[in-house]
Protein backbone atom coordinates (compact mmCIF):
# COMPACT_ATOMS: atom_id res chain seq x y z
CA UNK A 1 7.36 13.47 -6.79
CA UNK A 2 7.37 9.89 -7.67
CA UNK A 3 4.59 7.33 -7.45
CA UNK A 4 5.09 3.82 -6.12
CA UNK A 5 2.89 0.77 -6.12
CA UNK A 6 3.55 -1.44 -3.05
CA UNK A 7 2.41 -5.04 -2.76
CA UNK A 8 3.10 -7.05 0.46
CA UNK A 9 4.81 -10.32 -0.26
CA UNK A 10 3.03 -12.45 2.35
CA UNK A 11 4.59 -15.58 3.73
CA UNK A 12 2.84 -18.94 3.93
CA UNK A 13 -0.04 -18.71 6.59
CA UNK A 14 -0.42 -14.84 6.29
CA UNK A 15 -3.53 -13.22 4.85
CA UNK A 16 -5.87 -15.73 6.32
CA UNK A 17 -7.86 -13.79 8.87
CA UNK A 18 -9.16 -10.29 8.40
CA UNK A 19 -8.37 -8.94 11.89
CA UNK A 20 -4.67 -10.19 11.74
CA UNK A 21 -4.19 -8.78 8.23
CA UNK A 22 -5.64 -5.42 9.27
CA UNK A 23 -3.39 -5.36 12.49
CA UNK A 24 -0.31 -6.02 10.20
CA UNK A 25 -1.34 -3.14 7.92
CA UNK A 26 -2.03 -0.75 10.91
CA UNK A 27 1.42 -1.68 12.48
CA UNK A 28 3.15 -1.15 9.16
CA UNK A 29 1.68 2.38 8.72
CA UNK A 30 2.34 3.30 12.44
CA UNK A 31 6.02 2.45 12.01
CA UNK A 32 6.69 4.70 8.97
CA UNK A 33 9.27 7.08 10.00
CA UNK A 34 7.86 10.55 11.03
CA UNK A 35 10.47 12.12 8.78
CA UNK A 36 8.36 11.06 5.79
CA UNK A 37 5.06 12.67 6.92
CA UNK A 38 5.80 16.09 5.31
CA UNK A 39 7.26 14.54 2.18
CA UNK A 40 4.90 11.61 1.41
CA UNK A 41 1.27 10.48 1.15
CA UNK A 42 -0.47 7.27 0.34
CA UNK A 43 -3.42 4.90 0.59
CA UNK A 44 -3.21 1.15 1.58
CA UNK A 45 -5.77 -1.43 1.26
CA UNK A 46 -6.54 -4.94 2.35
CA UNK A 47 -8.17 -6.72 -0.56
CA UNK A 48 -9.83 -10.26 -0.99
CA UNK A 49 -11.88 -12.40 1.27
CA UNK A 50 -11.45 -14.48 4.40
CA UNK A 51 -8.75 -17.06 3.82
CA UNK A 52 -6.98 -15.03 1.04
CA UNK A 53 -6.22 -11.38 1.76
CA UNK A 54 -3.87 -9.11 0.01
CA UNK A 55 -2.17 -6.00 1.19
CA UNK A 56 -1.26 -3.25 -1.25
CA UNK A 57 -0.97 0.39 -1.56
CA UNK A 58 0.22 3.43 -3.55
CA UNK A 59 2.50 6.10 -2.24
CA UNK A 60 3.67 9.43 -3.34
CA UNK A 61 7.23 10.45 -2.22
CA UNK A 62 9.21 13.65 -2.88
CA UNK A 63 11.93 12.86 -5.18
CA UNK A 64 12.54 10.09 -7.82
CA UNK A 65 13.11 7.26 -5.56
CA UNK A 66 12.09 5.71 -2.34
CA UNK A 67 13.42 7.71 0.64
CA UNK A 68 16.02 6.13 2.91
CA UNK A 69 13.67 6.34 6.02
CA UNK A 70 11.15 4.22 4.21
CA UNK A 71 13.80 1.77 3.13
CA UNK A 72 14.89 1.51 6.80
CA UNK A 73 11.40 0.50 7.90
CA UNK A 74 11.74 -2.90 9.61
CA UNK A 75 9.08 -4.37 7.43
CA UNK A 76 9.60 -2.74 4.03
CA UNK A 77 11.86 -5.41 2.81
CA UNK A 78 8.77 -7.50 2.56
CA UNK A 79 7.03 -5.14 0.08
CA UNK A 80 7.47 -5.48 -3.58
CA UNK A 81 7.83 -1.98 -5.13
CA UNK A 82 7.04 -0.76 -8.59
CA UNK A 83 7.56 2.78 -9.77
CA UNK A 84 4.46 4.11 -11.60
CA UNK A 85 4.80 6.37 -14.62
CA UNK A 86 2.29 9.17 -14.60
CA UNK A 87 2.66 9.34 -18.48
CA UNK A 88 1.37 5.69 -18.74
CA UNK A 89 -2.39 5.57 -18.90
CA UNK A 90 -2.61 2.13 -16.98
CA UNK A 91 -0.36 3.55 -14.20
CA UNK A 92 -2.44 6.63 -13.78
CA UNK A 93 -5.77 4.62 -13.78
CA UNK A 94 -4.16 2.23 -10.99
CA UNK A 95 -3.15 5.21 -8.95
CA UNK A 96 -6.59 6.89 -9.35
CA UNK A 97 -8.27 3.60 -8.49
CA UNK A 98 -6.52 3.39 -5.12
CA UNK A 99 -7.28 7.07 -4.22
CA UNK A 100 -10.92 6.52 -5.31
CA UNK A 101 -11.35 3.19 -3.60
CA UNK A 102 -13.94 2.61 -1.00
CA UNK A 103 -14.36 -0.13 1.63
CA UNK A 104 -16.95 -2.65 0.33
CA UNK A 105 -16.08 -1.73 -3.27
CA UNK A 106 -13.95 -3.43 -5.91
CA UNK A 107 -10.22 -2.76 -6.54
CA UNK A 108 -8.01 -4.76 -8.86
CA UNK A 109 -10.84 -7.45 -9.32
CA UNK A 110 -11.08 -8.00 -5.49
CA UNK A 111 -13.30 -6.89 -2.61
CA UNK A 112 -11.86 -3.76 -0.73
CA UNK A 113 -12.07 -4.87 2.88
CA UNK A 114 -10.06 -2.05 4.60
CA UNK A 115 -8.76 1.14 3.44
CA UNK A 116 -6.16 3.31 5.39
CA UNK A 117 -4.66 6.64 4.46
CA UNK A 118 -1.01 7.51 5.31
CA UNK A 119 -0.66 11.21 5.63
């Protein structure tokens, strides 16, 4: 298994309204290829406040890299990816913080507005 941190690289004018940002995240998750469901797991969040939202997440994939069906996702090219090292304490803490996050709580120093599971 490999662990990946994903950060949506939003364009100018994105991440302003909560409802629109949530719709983007919902659409992204819905379009993840069904072939990945048995081989991946993750949590995605909308962080921040009205006018300045960020969309981020962590995913577990079977294997060492990001699987082709995920790379072929029509919106995946807009996500910055960073492989996390389970031996690195900071990476482990970041991974744990995402899985332990709660709506209304804090994550990466920002308000956690929305939390969605991909399973």
